[in-house]
Amino acid sequence: MKTSTLLPAIRSRVGDWNFYVTTLTFSEVAELIKAPDEIHERKQLADWIQREAIEAHAEAIEVYIKTSSQRFLGSLIVGVYGGNPDWSPLKVKVPAHEDVSEEQLLRIEGTLGLLHLFGGEKLFAIDGQHRVAGIKRALIGEPAESLLRDDCVSAIFVAHDPNTAEGKARTRRLFTTVNTKAKSIARTQTIALDEDNGFAIVTRRLIDAHPLFSDEGKRVLYASTGALPATEAKAITSVVGLFELVKDLYGGSKSFDQKRPNDEEIDNHFEFCFAYFEALLAHVPEYVEVFQNANGQPGDYRTGERNHLLFRPAGQRAFARAVQLLVARGVTLTDAVKVLLTAEMDILKDAWHHVLWNPVTQTMVTGTMIVAEAQLLRLAGQDTRNTSSAKKLERLLESASKG
């Protein structure tokens, strides 16, 4: 925002949020409200949020705005960070015929006022991303004198401290709270913004903190699925694949994603996941070659000649599940990784046929994590997780041999 803006605003409060209710013209919406690119440290993660949460439905709202004379849009919830916004109460003159008590007058004057934005603030939609994007699309090409630019939408302003992790987390939690109560949110939005899902929190922290996932390396694909396209060369996994892997490394009860774990629990799992990737980078020869020596790309290990288990999201999940199990049995993280690396890692080999690789269609087999984990453990000379997984593996291999 470059210039100051003065808005009529009602000040109010709910829970521990102070908020301000105002109205914005479509032109002000297009000019003032930006993408939520400062909620996360990695720009690619922020850009992904924009695509996943906003662009998919913006076109339909654009068409509605342009074609319906009875158009009406619900209120936006707008996050404010940075700058020094100021609210000033208004002095209210009550008509003589109105019977207003002193208490009522004080309440009115403490509620009605002016919200002054001086230009240093940054605004983004916590709820209403689709509407904001649709409004912006609808104004493209509209002349300056267009009446459409003067259409209005109500807006609720809330603020957070952009200089603290707690401030950003508070706004992310508001985003998912608002959207969860309104409708079920996509898994991608959960990963990107949820502050009560421990796995989502750890996934974002890994992306923000671990060098392997820096924006420069482009090792994380920001997509809505866990799989990698056949043409993808640089990425080691997708953000959804990493989220699933973080869950696999946790094991046990999944209550970690139902109610926000305490900080110690989050820190412990983050540190375990961080150490897991450090162990892979230290002990997987192909990881050393690609990520440490910068010789080649991950895509080189997803070809018809060599297809490494740890360069495939499905294989990574099987490996992570097996590591978690061995650590739970008392094996150190480093030793668990080393033991599992003694297994066959090339999924083109017979040992992985119909488990992770379909030799007929030359494609990955997904949705068989229990069986893939059991096969990896068996190939590494370890006991499977339980008799049930061992039997599932036996049945699959027997069926494949008959087919």
Protein backbone atom coordinates (compact mmCIF):
# COMPACT_ATOMS: atom_id res chain seq x y z
CA MET A 1 0.00 0.00 0.00
CA LYS A 2 1.58 3.32 -1.10
CA THR A 3 -0.85 6.04 0.08
CA SER A 4 -2.86 6.56 3.22
CA THR A 5 -6.47 5.42 3.37
CA LEU A 6 -9.20 6.58 5.75
CA LEU A 7 -12.10 4.19 6.32
CA PRO A 8 -15.25 4.39 8.46
CA ALA A 9 -15.03 1.50 10.91
CA ILE A 10 -16.88 -0.10 13.79
CA ARG A 11 -14.54 -1.37 16.49
CA SER A 12 -15.53 -4.58 18.25
CA ARG A 13 -14.16 -7.64 20.00
CA VAL A 14 -14.70 -11.42 20.05
CA GLY A 15 -12.65 -13.80 22.20
CA ASP A 16 -9.15 -12.32 22.30
CA TRP A 17 -9.43 -10.69 18.85
CA ASN A 18 -10.05 -6.98 18.38
CA PHE A 19 -11.50 -6.33 14.94
CA TYR A 20 -12.78 -3.47 12.81
CA VAL A 21 -15.77 -3.66 10.45
CA THR A 22 -15.67 -1.42 7.39
CA THR A 23 -16.51 -1.33 3.70
CA LEU A 24 -14.17 -1.27 0.68
CA THR A 25 -14.87 -0.41 -2.93
CA PHE A 26 -13.86 -3.01 -5.51
CA SER A 27 -11.04 -0.67 -6.56
CA GLU A 28 -9.76 -0.53 -2.98
CA VAL A 29 -9.93 -4.31 -2.72
CA ALA A 30 -7.90 -4.68 -5.91
CA GLU A 31 -5.35 -2.09 -4.83
CA LEU A 32 -4.93 -2.85 -1.15
CA ILE A 33 -5.35 -6.59 -0.60
CA LYS A 34 -2.35 -8.70 -1.58
CA ALA A 35 -1.34 -12.37 -1.44
CA PRO A 36 -0.39 -13.75 2.04
CA ASP A 37 3.29 -13.95 1.11
CA GLU A 38 4.71 -13.08 4.52
CA ILE A 39 3.03 -15.78 6.57
CA HIS A 40 5.80 -18.22 5.55
CA GLU A 41 9.55 -17.87 5.15
CA ARG A 42 9.85 -19.72 1.83
CA LYS A 43 8.43 -17.77 -1.12
CA GLN A 44 7.59 -20.96 -3.02
CA LEU A 45 5.41 -22.12 -0.13
CA ALA A 46 3.59 -18.77 -0.15
CA ASP A 47 3.10 -18.92 -3.92
CA TRP A 48 1.70 -22.43 -3.56
CA ILE A 49 -0.85 -21.21 -1.00
CA GLN A 50 -1.96 -18.59 -3.51
CA ARG A 51 -2.56 -21.21 -6.19
CA GLU A 52 -4.19 -23.83 -3.99
CA ALA A 53 -6.41 -21.58 -1.91
CA ILE A 54 -7.37 -18.90 -4.39
CA GLU A 55 -7.02 -19.28 -8.12
CA ALA A 56 -9.11 -22.40 -8.59
CA HIS A 57 -12.46 -20.62 -7.97
CA ALA A 58 -11.70 -17.01 -8.90
CA GLU A 59 -12.98 -17.28 -12.49
CA ALA A 60 -16.49 -18.28 -11.42
CA ILE A 61 -16.72 -15.24 -9.11
CA GLU A 62 -15.44 -12.97 -11.90
CA VAL A 63 -18.23 -14.20 -14.18
CA TYR A 64 -20.80 -13.70 -11.42
CA ILE A 65 -19.67 -10.11 -10.81
CA LYS A 66 -19.75 -9.22 -14.49
CA THR A 67 -23.04 -10.86 -15.40
CA SER A 68 -25.33 -10.47 -12.38
CA SER A 69 -26.95 -7.09 -11.68
CA GLN A 70 -28.08 -8.49 -8.30
CA ARG A 71 -24.55 -9.50 -7.35
CA PHE A 72 -23.74 -9.62 -3.66
CA LEU A 73 -20.55 -10.82 -2.00
CA GLY A 74 -20.11 -11.86 1.62
CA SER A 75 -17.76 -10.06 4.00
CA LEU A 76 -14.02 -10.43 3.67
CA ILE A 77 -11.88 -11.11 6.74
CA VAL A 78 -8.70 -9.14 6.14
CA GLY A 79 -5.43 -9.66 7.96
CA VAL A 80 -3.31 -6.57 8.64
CA TYR A 81 0.39 -6.77 9.34
CA GLY A 82 3.15 -4.21 9.50
CA GLY A 83 2.75 -0.45 9.48
CA ASN A 84 0.97 1.54 12.14
CA PRO A 85 -2.79 1.47 11.53
CA ASP A 86 -4.74 3.77 13.81
CA TRP A 87 -8.39 3.88 14.87
CA SER A 88 -9.95 7.06 16.24
CA PRO A 89 -13.43 7.29 17.84
CA LEU A 90 -16.00 9.71 16.48
CA LYS A 91 -17.96 12.20 18.56
CA VAL A 92 -21.63 11.38 18.04
CA LYS A 93 -24.36 14.00 18.09
CA VAL A 94 -27.63 12.35 19.08
CA PRO A 95 -30.89 13.89 17.76
CA ALA A 96 -32.90 15.61 20.48
CA HIS A 97 -35.87 13.32 20.08
CA GLU A 98 -33.77 10.21 20.77
CA ASP A 99 -33.81 8.99 24.35
CA VAL A 100 -30.18 7.83 24.73
CA SER A 101 -28.64 7.22 28.12
CA GLU A 102 -25.11 8.30 28.99
CA GLU A 103 -24.05 4.64 29.08
CA GLN A 104 -25.47 3.99 25.62
CA LEU A 105 -23.78 7.09 24.22
CA LEU A 106 -20.41 6.04 25.62
CA ARG A 107 -20.81 2.61 24.03
CA ILE A 108 -21.72 4.12 20.65
CA GLU A 109 -18.84 6.60 20.71
CA GLY A 110 -16.46 3.84 21.75
CA THR A 111 -17.52 1.76 18.77
CA LEU A 112 -17.90 4.15 15.82
CA GLY A 113 -14.76 5.68 14.40
CA LEU A 114 -12.23 6.05 11.58
CA LEU A 115 -9.58 3.47 10.67
CA HIS A 116 -6.50 5.18 9.25
CA LEU A 117 -4.07 3.10 7.17
CA PHE A 118 -0.93 5.11 6.54
CA GLY A 119 0.55 3.09 3.69
CA GLY A 120 3.04 0.81 5.41
CA GLU A 121 0.48 -1.88 6.22
CA LYS A 122 0.09 -5.07 4.20
CA LEU A 123 -3.38 -6.56 3.84
CA PHE A 124 -4.34 -10.09 2.86
CA ALA A 125 -7.59 -12.06 2.88
CA ILE A 126 -7.89 -14.56 5.72
CA ASP A 127 -11.35 -15.50 4.50
CA GLY A 128 -12.55 -14.47 1.05
CA GLN A 129 -9.44 -15.20 -1.05
CA HIS A 130 -11.64 -16.38 -3.93
CA ARG A 131 -13.75 -13.21 -3.80
CA VAL A 132 -10.70 -10.95 -3.77
CA ALA A 133 -9.20 -12.78 -6.75
CA GLY A 134 -12.55 -12.70 -8.57
CA ILE A 135 -12.90 -8.94 -7.96
CA LYS A 136 -9.40 -8.31 -9.29
CA ARG A 137 -10.09 -10.38 -12.38
CA ALA A 138 -13.39 -8.58 -12.97
CA LEU A 139 -11.69 -5.15 -12.91
CA ILE A 140 -9.05 -6.05 -15.49
CA GLY A 141 -9.71 -3.88 -18.53
CA GLU A 142 -12.44 -1.88 -16.80
CA PRO A 143 -12.12 1.89 -17.49
CA ALA A 144 -11.37 4.22 -14.60
CA GLU A 145 -14.91 5.63 -14.66
CA SER A 146 -16.55 2.20 -14.56
CA LEU A 147 -19.36 1.96 -12.01
CA LEU A 148 -18.17 -1.57 -11.20
CA ARG A 149 -15.12 -0.08 -9.52
CA ASP A 150 -17.39 1.66 -7.01
CA ASP A 151 -19.23 -1.50 -5.96
CA CYS A 152 -18.56 -2.26 -2.30
CA VAL A 153 -17.97 -5.26 -0.11
CA SER A 154 -17.91 -5.30 3.68
CA ALA A 155 -14.61 -6.18 5.33
CA ILE A 156 -13.53 -7.21 8.81
CA PHE A 157 -9.97 -6.18 9.69
CA VAL A 158 -7.85 -8.12 12.20
CA ALA A 159 -4.18 -7.56 12.94
CA HIS A 160 -1.17 -9.60 14.01
CA ASP A 161 2.44 -8.92 14.93
CA PRO A 162 4.51 -9.76 11.81
CA ASN A 163 7.79 -9.73 13.73
CA THR A 164 7.10 -12.81 15.83
CA ALA A 165 6.46 -16.45 15.00
CA GLU A 166 3.56 -16.33 17.47
CA GLY A 167 1.94 -13.48 15.56
CA LYS A 168 2.10 -15.32 12.25
CA ALA A 169 0.91 -18.56 13.82
CA ARG A 170 -2.04 -16.74 15.37
CA THR A 171 -3.17 -15.52 11.95
CA ARG A 172 -2.64 -18.92 10.30
CA ARG A 173 -4.79 -20.48 13.01
CA LEU A 174 -7.51 -17.91 12.41
CA PHE A 175 -7.43 -18.77 8.70
CA THR A 176 -8.01 -22.47 9.28
CA THR A 177 -10.54 -21.88 12.07
CA VAL A 178 -12.64 -19.61 9.86
CA ASN A 179 -12.42 -21.87 6.84
CA THR A 180 -12.97 -25.11 8.77
CA LYS A 181 -16.18 -23.76 10.29
CA ALA A 182 -17.36 -22.57 6.89
CA LYS A 183 -16.50 -25.69 4.87
CA SER A 184 -14.02 -28.55 4.87
CA ILE A 185 -10.64 -27.32 3.69
CA ALA A 186 -8.33 -29.08 1.28
CA ARG A 187 -5.39 -31.08 2.57
CA THR A 188 -3.08 -28.63 0.82
CA GLN A 189 -4.52 -25.72 2.82
CA THR A 190 -4.15 -27.77 6.00
CA ILE A 191 -0.46 -28.31 5.27
CA ALA A 192 0.07 -24.68 4.40
CA LEU A 193 -1.76 -22.98 7.23
CA ASP A 194 -3.06 -25.23 10.01
CA GLU A 195 -1.63 -24.28 13.41
CA ASP A 196 -3.33 -27.11 15.31
CA ASN A 197 -2.18 -30.02 13.12
CA GLY A 198 1.23 -31.04 14.44
CA PHE A 199 2.22 -32.74 11.19
CA ALA A 200 1.46 -29.61 9.18
CA ILE A 201 3.48 -27.49 11.61
CA VAL A 202 6.49 -29.81 11.39
CA THR A 203 6.24 -30.01 7.59
CA ARG A 204 6.37 -26.22 7.27
CA ARG A 205 9.22 -25.98 9.73
CA LEU A 206 11.21 -28.54 7.75
CA ILE A 207 10.64 -26.62 4.53
CA ASP A 208 11.63 -23.38 6.21
CA ALA A 209 14.62 -24.75 8.13
CA HIS A 210 16.27 -27.68 6.32
CA PRO A 211 18.77 -26.72 3.58
CA LEU A 212 17.55 -29.60 1.42
CA PHE A 213 14.23 -27.79 0.93
CA SER A 214 15.49 -24.31 0.12
CA ASP A 215 13.76 -22.43 -2.69
CA GLU A 216 17.00 -22.32 -4.66
CA GLY A 217 17.32 -26.09 -4.89
CA LYS A 218 13.69 -26.62 -5.96
CA ARG A 219 13.72 -30.01 -4.22
CA VAL A 220 10.09 -29.69 -3.10
CA LEU A 221 7.34 -29.67 -5.71
CA TYR A 222 4.43 -27.48 -4.64
CA ALA A 223 1.56 -29.54 -5.98
CA SER A 224 -1.74 -30.88 -4.68
CA THR A 225 -0.75 -34.56 -4.87
CA GLY A 226 1.97 -36.70 -3.34
CA ALA A 227 3.24 -38.06 -6.65
CA LEU A 228 5.90 -36.51 -8.89
CA PRO A 229 5.30 -36.04 -12.63
CA ALA A 230 7.41 -38.21 -14.91
CA THR A 231 9.06 -35.07 -16.29
CA GLU A 232 10.10 -33.70 -12.89
CA ALA A 233 13.91 -33.66 -12.62
CA LYS A 234 14.87 -31.52 -9.61
CA ALA A 235 12.35 -32.35 -6.87
CA ILE A 236 12.92 -35.14 -4.39
CA THR A 237 9.29 -35.04 -3.21
CA SER A 238 6.16 -32.91 -3.21
CA VAL A 239 4.93 -30.87 -0.25
CA VAL A 240 2.07 -33.36 0.17
CA GLY A 241 4.53 -36.26 -0.02
CA LEU A 242 6.68 -34.61 2.66
CA PHE A 243 3.61 -34.13 4.86
CA GLU A 244 2.79 -37.85 4.57
CA LEU A 245 6.40 -38.76 5.32
CA VAL A 246 6.36 -36.59 8.45
CA LYS A 247 3.31 -38.57 9.59
CA ASP A 248 5.04 -41.87 8.78
CA LEU A 249 8.04 -40.91 10.90
CA TYR A 250 5.77 -40.22 13.85
CA GLY A 251 4.00 -43.57 14.09
CA GLY A 252 1.64 -44.50 16.88
CA SER A 253 -1.37 -42.37 17.75
CA LYS A 254 -2.43 -39.84 15.17
CA SER A 255 -3.85 -37.47 17.81
CA PHE A 256 -0.82 -35.34 16.90
CA ASP A 257 -3.01 -33.83 14.19
CA GLN A 258 -6.29 -33.51 16.12
CA LYS A 259 -5.36 -30.95 18.74
CA ARG A 260 -2.26 -28.79 18.73
CA PRO A 261 0.53 -30.70 20.52
CA ASN A 262 2.56 -28.82 23.11
CA ASP A 263 5.74 -27.06 21.96
CA GLU A 264 8.01 -29.78 23.35
CA GLU A 265 6.20 -32.49 21.38
CA ILE A 266 6.39 -30.43 18.19
CA ASP A 267 10.07 -29.66 18.75
CA ASN A 268 10.88 -33.32 19.40
CA HIS A 269 9.23 -34.54 16.21
CA PHE A 270 10.72 -31.72 14.16
CA GLU A 271 14.19 -32.57 15.46
CA PHE A 272 13.65 -36.27 14.71
CA CYS A 273 12.53 -35.50 11.14
CA PHE A 274 15.43 -33.06 10.67
CA ALA A 275 17.88 -35.70 11.93
CA TYR A 276 16.28 -38.27 9.61
CA PHE A 277 17.08 -36.19 6.54
CA GLU A 278 20.56 -35.50 7.86
CA ALA A 279 21.11 -39.25 8.19
CA LEU A 280 19.93 -39.84 4.62
CA LEU A 281 22.22 -37.12 3.29
CA ALA A 282 25.14 -38.65 5.15
CA HIS A 283 24.63 -42.36 4.41
CA VAL A 284 22.73 -42.78 1.14
CA PRO A 285 25.45 -42.77 -1.56
CA GLU A 286 23.09 -41.51 -4.23
CA TYR A 287 21.95 -38.63 -1.99
CA VAL A 288 25.58 -37.71 -1.36
CA GLU A 289 26.21 -37.76 -5.11
CA VAL A 290 23.23 -35.55 -5.98
CA PHE A 291 22.82 -33.24 -2.99
CA GLN A 292 26.35 -33.01 -1.57
CA ASN A 293 28.50 -33.34 -4.69
CA ALA A 294 25.97 -31.64 -7.01
CA ASN A 295 26.51 -34.37 -9.56
CA GLY A 296 23.25 -35.05 -11.37
CA GLN A 297 19.61 -34.55 -10.41
CA PRO A 298 17.00 -36.67 -8.56
CA GLY A 299 15.33 -37.35 -11.89
CA ASP A 300 18.42 -39.33 -12.95
CA TYR A 301 17.32 -41.97 -10.43
CA ARG A 302 13.78 -42.21 -11.76
CA THR A 303 14.45 -43.66 -15.20
CA GLY A 304 13.96 -46.90 -17.08
CA GLU A 305 17.55 -47.88 -16.31
CA ARG A 306 17.70 -47.08 -12.59
CA ASN A 307 14.81 -46.37 -10.27
CA HIS A 308 15.96 -45.75 -6.71
CA LEU A 309 13.50 -46.33 -3.89
CA LEU A 310 14.57 -43.18 -2.04
CA PHE A 311 13.95 -40.94 -5.04
CA ARG A 312 10.32 -42.00 -5.25
CA PRO A 313 7.76 -40.53 -2.77
CA ALA A 314 6.13 -43.96 -2.28
CA GLY A 315 9.51 -45.56 -1.63
CA GLN A 316 10.49 -42.75 0.73
CA ARG A 317 7.33 -43.36 2.74
CA ALA A 318 8.02 -47.10 3.01
CA PHE A 319 11.58 -46.35 4.13
CA ALA A 320 10.43 -43.75 6.70
CA ARG A 321 7.82 -46.14 8.13
CA ALA A 322 10.46 -48.85 8.50
CA VAL A 323 12.92 -46.44 10.14
CA GLN A 324 10.26 -45.37 12.62
CA LEU A 325 9.55 -48.99 13.48
CA LEU A 326 13.21 -49.89 14.04
CA VAL A 327 13.76 -46.79 16.19
CA ALA A 328 10.70 -47.76 18.24
CA ARG A 329 12.37 -51.15 18.74
CA GLY A 330 15.44 -49.47 20.22
CA VAL A 331 17.70 -49.13 17.17
CA THR A 332 19.42 -45.76 16.75
CA LEU A 333 18.29 -43.57 13.86
CA THR A 334 21.62 -43.86 12.07
CA ASP A 335 21.77 -47.64 12.48
CA ALA A 336 18.16 -47.98 11.30
CA VAL A 337 19.02 -46.13 8.11
CA LYS A 338 22.17 -48.20 7.56
CA VAL A 339 20.36 -51.50 8.14
CA LEU A 340 17.60 -50.68 5.68
CA LEU A 341 20.11 -49.58 3.05
CA THR A 342 21.35 -53.18 2.88
CA ALA A 343 18.07 -54.04 1.14
CA GLU A 344 17.66 -53.84 -2.62
CA MET A 345 17.09 -50.15 -3.43
CA ASP A 346 16.44 -50.47 -7.17
CA ILE A 347 12.69 -50.93 -7.53
CA LEU A 348 13.14 -52.20 -11.10
CA LYS A 349 14.50 -55.43 -9.63
CA ASP A 350 12.32 -58.51 -9.14
CA ALA A 351 12.07 -57.99 -5.37
CA TRP A 352 9.91 -54.91 -5.90
CA HIS A 353 7.78 -56.17 -8.76
CA HIS A 354 4.07 -55.67 -7.95
CA VAL A 355 5.04 -54.21 -4.58
CA LEU A 356 6.25 -50.77 -5.68
CA TRP A 357 6.75 -51.36 -9.40
CA ASN A 358 4.48 -52.79 -12.08
CA PRO A 359 6.81 -54.45 -14.61
CA VAL A 360 4.04 -54.71 -17.21
CA THR A 361 2.88 -51.09 -17.31
CA GLN A 362 6.28 -49.73 -16.18
CA THR A 363 4.62 -47.58 -13.55
CA MET A 364 4.72 -47.14 -9.79
CA VAL A 365 2.41 -49.14 -7.57
CA THR A 366 0.93 -46.86 -4.89
CA GLY A 367 -1.44 -47.40 -1.99
CA THR A 368 0.53 -50.41 -0.68
CA MET A 369 2.52 -48.80 2.13
CA ILE A 370 1.98 -51.68 4.56
CA VAL A 371 3.19 -54.23 2.01
CA ALA A 372 6.08 -52.05 0.80
CA GLU A 373 7.27 -51.52 4.38
CA ALA A 374 7.04 -55.26 5.06
CA GLN A 375 9.06 -56.10 1.94
CA LEU A 376 11.75 -53.54 2.80
CA LEU A 377 12.09 -54.95 6.32
CA ARG A 378 12.21 -58.50 5.01
CA LEU A 379 14.89 -57.64 2.43
CA ALA A 380 16.94 -55.99 5.19
CA GLY A 381 16.67 -59.10 7.37
CA GLN A 382 14.27 -57.52 9.87
CA ASP A 383 10.97 -58.71 11.28
CA THR A 384 7.88 -57.12 9.79
CA ARG A 385 5.72 -54.82 11.87
CA ASN A 386 3.25 -57.62 12.67
CA THR A 387 1.94 -60.92 11.33
CA SER A 388 -0.86 -59.13 9.48
CA SER A 389 1.54 -57.14 7.29
CA ALA A 390 3.64 -60.26 6.67
CA LYS A 391 0.56 -62.17 5.49
CA LYS A 392 -0.50 -59.32 3.20
CA LEU A 393 2.96 -59.37 1.64
CA GLU A 394 2.85 -63.14 1.19
CA ARG A 395 -0.57 -63.01 -0.45
CA LEU A 396 0.50 -60.27 -2.85
CA LEU A 397 3.68 -62.05 -3.89
CA GLU A 398 1.84 -65.33 -4.30
CA SER A 399 -0.82 -63.69 -6.43
CA ALA A 400 1.81 -61.96 -8.56
CA SER A 401 3.68 -65.23 -9.17
CA LYS A 402 0.48 -66.91 -10.38
CA GLY A 403 -0.41 -64.00 -12.62
